[in-house]
C-alpha atoms as a PDB file:
ATOM      1  CA  PRO A   1       0.000   0.000   0.000  1.00  0.00           C
ATOM      2  CA  VAL A   2       1.024   3.599  -0.595  1.00  0.00           C
ATOM      3  CA  PRO A   3       1.817   5.458   2.660  1.00  0.00           C
ATOM      4  CA  THR A   4      -0.530   8.354   3.333  1.00  0.00           C
ATOM      5  CA  VAL A   5       0.067  11.634   5.128  1.00  0.00           C
ATOM      6  CA  ASP A   6      -2.963  13.455   6.467  1.00  0.00           C
ATOM      7  CA  VAL A   7      -1.506  16.753   7.617  1.00  0.00           C
ATOM      8  CA  THR A   8      -4.353  17.331  10.065  1.00  0.00           C
ATOM      9  CA  ASN A   9      -3.776  13.866  11.578  1.00  0.00           C
ATOM     10  CA  PRO A  10      -0.278  12.420  11.061  1.00  0.00           C
ATOM     11  CA  LEU A  11      -1.440   8.798  11.436  1.00  0.00           C
ATOM     12  CA  PRO A  12      -1.909   6.568   8.363  1.00  0.00           C
ATOM     13  CA  MET A  13      -5.476   6.852   7.053  1.00  0.00           C
ATOM     14  CA  ASP A  14      -6.313   3.262   8.040  1.00  0.00           C
ATOM     15  CA  SER A  15      -5.207   3.768  11.684  1.00  0.00           C
ATOM     16  CA  THR A  16      -7.534   4.515  14.563  1.00  0.00           C
ATOM     17  CA  PRO A  17      -6.693   7.959  15.974  1.00  0.00           C
ATOM     18  CA  PRO A  18      -5.871   8.213  19.666  1.00  0.00           C
ATOM     19  CA  THR A  19      -8.196   9.963  22.085  1.00  0.00           C
ATOM     20  CA  PRO A  20      -7.976  12.946  22.333  1.00  0.00           C
ATOM     21  CA  GLU A  21      -7.172  13.993  18.757  1.00  0.00           C
ATOM     22  CA  PRO A  22      -3.513  15.009  18.273  1.00  0.00           C
ATOM     23  CA  THR A  23      -2.711  18.661  17.779  1.00  0.00           C
ATOM     24  CA  PRO A  24      -1.835  19.420  14.122  1.00  0.00           C
ATOM     25  CA  THR A  25       1.842  20.125  13.530  1.00  0.00           C
ATOM     26  CA  SER A  26       3.523  22.275  10.920  1.00  0.00           C
ATOM     27  CA  THR A  27       5.525  19.335   9.554  1.00  0.00           C
ATOM     28  CA  THR A  28       4.519  15.707   9.217  1.00  0.00           C
ATOM     29  CA  PRO A  29       7.283  13.064   8.920  1.00  0.00           C
ATOM     30  CA  LEU A  30       6.594   9.850   6.989  1.00  0.00           C
ATOM     31  CA  THR A  31       8.606   6.827   5.968  1.00  0.00           C
ATOM     32  CA  PRO A  32       7.376   5.793   2.487  1.00  0.00           C
ATOM     33  CA  ASP A  33       6.727   2.242   1.335  1.00  0.00           C
ATOM     34  CA  PRO A  34       9.639   1.092  -0.899  1.00  0.00           C
ATOM     35  CA  THR A  35       7.320  -0.596  -3.421  1.00  0.00           C
ATOM     36  CA  PRO A  36       7.825   1.148  -6.792  1.00  0.00           C
ATOM     37  CA  VAL A  37       4.793   2.286  -8.761  1.00  0.00           C
ATOM     38  CA  PRO A  38       4.845   1.424 -12.474  1.00  0.00           C
ATOM     39  CA  THR A  39       5.346   4.315 -14.895  1.00  0.00           C
ATOM     40  CA  ILE A  40       2.199   5.227 -16.824  1.00  0.00           C
ATOM     41  CA  PRO A  41       2.799   5.505 -20.589  1.00  0.00           C
ATOM     42  CA  SER A  42       1.910   8.973 -21.927  1.00  0.00           C
ATOM     43  CA  SER A  43      -0.811   7.457 -24.148  1.00  0.00           C
ATOM     44  CA  GLU A  44      -2.604   6.180 -21.016  1.00  0.00           C
ATOM     45  CA  ARG A  45      -2.304   9.296 -18.868  1.00  0.00           C
ATOM     46  CA  CYS A  46      -5.485  11.032 -17.831  1.00  0.00           C
ATOM     47  CA  VAL A  47      -6.058  14.628 -16.827  1.00  0.00           C
ATOM     48  CA  ILE A  48      -6.888  15.233 -13.168  1.00  0.00           C
ATOM     49  CA  CYS A  49      -7.867  18.802 -14.017  1.00  0.00           C
ATOM     50  CA  ASP A  50      -7.118  21.678 -16.414  1.00  0.00           C
ATOM     51  CA  GLU A  51      -8.709  25.041 -17.262  1.00  0.00           C
ATOM     52  CA  ASN A  52     -11.453  23.248 -19.255  1.00  0.00           C
ATOM     53  CA  ASN A  53     -12.086  20.718 -16.469  1.00  0.00           C
ATOM     54  CA  PRO A  54     -11.522  22.581 -13.190  1.00  0.00           C
ATOM     55  CA  ILE A  55     -12.229  21.111  -9.786  1.00  0.00           C
ATOM     56  CA  GLU A  56     -13.039  23.107  -6.666  1.00  0.00           C
ATOM     57  CA  ALA A  57     -10.058  21.933  -4.607  1.00  0.00           C
ATOM     58  CA  ILE A  58      -7.434  19.214  -4.751  1.00  0.00           C
ATOM     59  CA  LEU A  59      -7.574  17.379  -1.435  1.00  0.00           C
ATOM     60  CA  ALA A  60      -5.177  14.487  -2.114  1.00  0.00           C
ATOM     61  CA  LEU A  61      -2.382  13.664  -4.552  1.00  0.00           C
ATOM     62  CA  GLU A  62      -0.161  10.631  -4.921  1.00  0.00           C
ATOM     63  CA  PHE A  63       3.487  11.312  -5.725  1.00  0.00           C
ATOM     64  CA  GLN A  64       6.343   9.076  -6.794  1.00  0.00           C
ATOM     65  CA  TYR A  65       9.926  10.178  -6.172  1.00  0.00           C
ATOM     66  CA  ILE A  66      12.175   9.270  -9.110  1.00  0.00           C
ATOM     67  CA  SER A  67      15.810  10.352  -8.958  1.00  0.00           C
ATOM     68  CA  THR A  68      16.087  10.554 -12.763  1.00  0.00           C
ATOM     69  CA  GLY A  69      13.740  13.526 -12.965  1.00  0.00           C
ATOM     70  CA  GLN A  70      11.876  14.438 -16.132  1.00  0.00           C
ATOM     71  CA  THR A  71      10.621  17.767 -17.430  1.00  0.00           C
ATOM     72  CA  SER A  72       6.825  18.085 -17.311  1.00  0.00           C
ATOM     73  CA  ASP A  73       5.027  17.381 -20.589  1.00  0.00           C
ATOM     74  CA  TYR A  74       2.001  19.453 -19.555  1.00  0.00           C
ATOM     75  CA  GLN A  75       2.869  22.237 -17.114  1.00  0.00           C
ATOM     76  CA  ASN A  76       4.535  25.294 -18.658  1.00  0.00           C
ATOM     77  CA  SER A  77       5.201  26.971 -15.294  1.00  0.00           C
ATOM     78  CA  ASN A  78       6.706  23.825 -13.793  1.00  0.00           C
ATOM     79  CA  ASN A  79      10.393  24.187 -13.048  1.00  0.00           C
ATOM     80  CA  CYS A  80      10.978  20.528 -12.155  1.00  0.00           C
ATOM     81  CA  MET A  81      13.465  19.660 -14.848  1.00  0.00           C
ATOM     82  CA  GLU A  82      15.080  16.595 -16.315  1.00  0.00           C
ATOM     83  CA  GLY A  83      18.208  15.718 -14.414  1.00  0.00           C
ATOM     84  CA  THR A  84      19.716  13.521 -11.759  1.00  0.00           C
ATOM     85  CA  TYR A  85      18.403  14.046  -8.252  1.00  0.00           C
ATOM     86  CA  PRO A  86      19.612  12.372  -5.025  1.00  0.00           C
ATOM     87  CA  THR A  87      18.622   8.696  -4.754  1.00  0.00           C
ATOM     88  CA  GLU A  88      17.853   9.182  -1.038  1.00  0.00           C
ATOM     89  CA  THR A  89      16.748  12.556   0.280  1.00  0.00           C
ATOM     90  CA  ASN A  90      14.249  14.551   2.287  1.00  0.00           C
ATOM     91  CA  VAL A  91      11.355  16.181   0.463  1.00  0.00           C
ATOM     92  CA  THR A  92       9.234  19.044   1.801  1.00  0.00           C
ATOM     93  CA  ILE A  93       5.858  19.652   0.162  1.00  0.00           C
ATOM     94  CA  LYS A  94       4.481  23.107   0.973  1.00  0.00           C
ATOM     95  CA  LEU A  95       0.713  22.822   1.389  1.00  0.00           C
ATOM     96  CA  LYS A  96      -1.965  25.449   1.878  1.00  0.00           C
ATOM     97  CA  ASN A  97      -1.919  25.325   5.694  1.00  0.00           C
ATOM     98  CA  SER A  98       1.226  23.353   6.558  1.00  0.00           C
ATOM     99  CA  ASP A  99       4.175  21.390   5.207  1.00  0.00           C
ATOM    100  CA  ALA A 100       4.673  17.646   4.765  1.00  0.00           C
ATOM    101  CA  VAL A 101       8.263  16.439   5.273  1.00  0.00           C
ATOM    102  CA  LEU A 102       9.208  12.981   4.024  1.00  0.00           C
ATOM    103  CA  SER A 103      12.342  10.878   3.778  1.00  0.00           C
ATOM    104  CA  VAL A 104      12.262   9.194   0.348  1.00  0.00           C
ATOM    105  CA  THR A 105      14.357   6.957  -1.878  1.00  0.00           C
ATOM    106  CA  ASN A 106      14.205   6.403  -5.618  1.00  0.00           C
ATOM    107  CA  GLY A 107      10.943   4.763  -6.746  1.00  0.00           C
ATOM    108  CA  GLU A 108       8.988   5.303  -3.529  1.00  0.00           C
ATOM    109  CA  SER A 109       5.403   6.544  -3.682  1.00  0.00           C
ATOM    110  CA  PHE A 110       3.394   8.450  -1.098  1.00  0.00           C
ATOM    111  CA  MET A 111       0.023  10.160  -0.877  1.00  0.00           C
ATOM    112  CA  ILE A 112      -0.594  13.591   0.623  1.00  0.00           C
ATOM    113  CA  ARG A 113      -4.105  14.307   1.941  1.00  0.00           C
ATOM    114  CA  SER A 114      -4.521  18.015   2.512  1.00  0.00           C
ATOM    115  CA  GLU A 115      -5.860  21.086   0.763  1.00  0.00           C
ATOM    116  CA  PHE A 116      -3.359  22.145  -1.880  1.00  0.00           C
ATOM    117  CA  ASP A 117      -2.684  25.788  -2.701  1.00  0.00           C
ATOM    118  CA  THR A 118      -2.804  27.107  -6.296  1.00  0.00           C
ATOM    119  CA  ILE A 119       0.902  26.346  -6.716  1.00  0.00           C
ATOM    120  CA  THR A 120       2.576  23.598  -4.732  1.00  0.00           C
ATOM    121  CA  GLU A 121       6.273  23.982  -3.981  1.00  0.00           C
ATOM    122  CA  ILE A 122       8.362  20.852  -3.519  1.00  0.00           C
ATOM    123  CA  GLU A 123      11.800  21.246  -1.974  1.00  0.00           C
ATOM    124  CA  ILE A 124      14.242  18.399  -2.579  1.00  0.00           C
ATOM    125  CA  GLU A 125      17.220  18.312  -0.224  1.00  0.00           C
ATOM    126  CA  GLY A 126      20.419  18.164  -2.292  1.00  0.00           C
ATOM    127  CA  PHE A 127      18.791  19.966  -5.245  1.00  0.00           C
ATOM    128  CA  ASN A 128      19.494  23.661  -5.725  1.00  0.00           C
ATOM    129  CA  GLY A 129      16.008  25.141  -5.851  1.00  0.00           C
ATOM    130  CA  ALA A 130      12.447  23.873  -5.675  1.00  0.00           C
ATOM    131  CA  CYS A 131       9.970  22.307  -8.071  1.00  0.00           C
ATOM    132  CA  LEU A 132       6.666  24.077  -8.564  1.00  0.00           C
ATOM    133  CA  ILE A 133       3.495  22.240  -9.575  1.00  0.00           C
ATOM    134  CA  VAL A 134       0.409  24.211 -10.610  1.00  0.00           C
ATOM    135  CA  THR A 135      -2.423  22.707  -8.551  1.00  0.00           C
ATOM    136  CA  SER A 136      -5.031  25.351  -9.418  1.00  0.00           C
ATOM    137  CA  CYS A 137      -6.044  23.616 -12.684  1.00  0.00           C
ATOM    138  CA  SER A 138      -4.944  26.665 -14.737  1.00  0.00           C
ATOM    139  CA  GLU A 139      -2.421  24.265 -16.323  1.00  0.00           C
ATOM    140  CA  PRO A 140      -3.087  20.538 -16.871  1.00  0.00           C
ATOM    141  CA  LEU A 141      -2.438  18.320 -13.876  1.00  0.00           C
ATOM    142  CA  VAL A 142      -1.940  14.879 -15.402  1.00  0.00           C
ATOM    143  CA  ILE A 143      -1.432  11.434 -13.865  1.00  0.00           C
ATOM    144  CA  GLY A 144       2.091  10.193 -14.533  1.00  0.00           C
ATOM    145  CA  ASP A 145       3.570  13.583 -15.494  1.00  0.00           C
END
């Protein structure tokens, strides 16, 4: 199964929360499942949203960390570029109301459950800069891109 981070409750989604509810934190650590997710061929990719098919809010996204990064085929504003990234690193995903911090290795997948802002910044430790993903639907958000 793909590990899940719920930034309002840092327990996996299938866990029973303790009583009382934990206080939300500004960062949520997670150790991802090492099971790689198969790459989706571009001919089989589907659009999550774009300016012709907007959705009110993105509340969850699944990511896969791949150290041989690729340039986006769909997002013009995306600055995540083709190149070699660290095989093991820490990733910080800046969300609308908090950050999710994860330790990842090449091929690992994880799901973030939270409200995403219009642009989502992803900081990769060991990479000079950050990747930006448009999560407002003004540019296509496509599975496998």
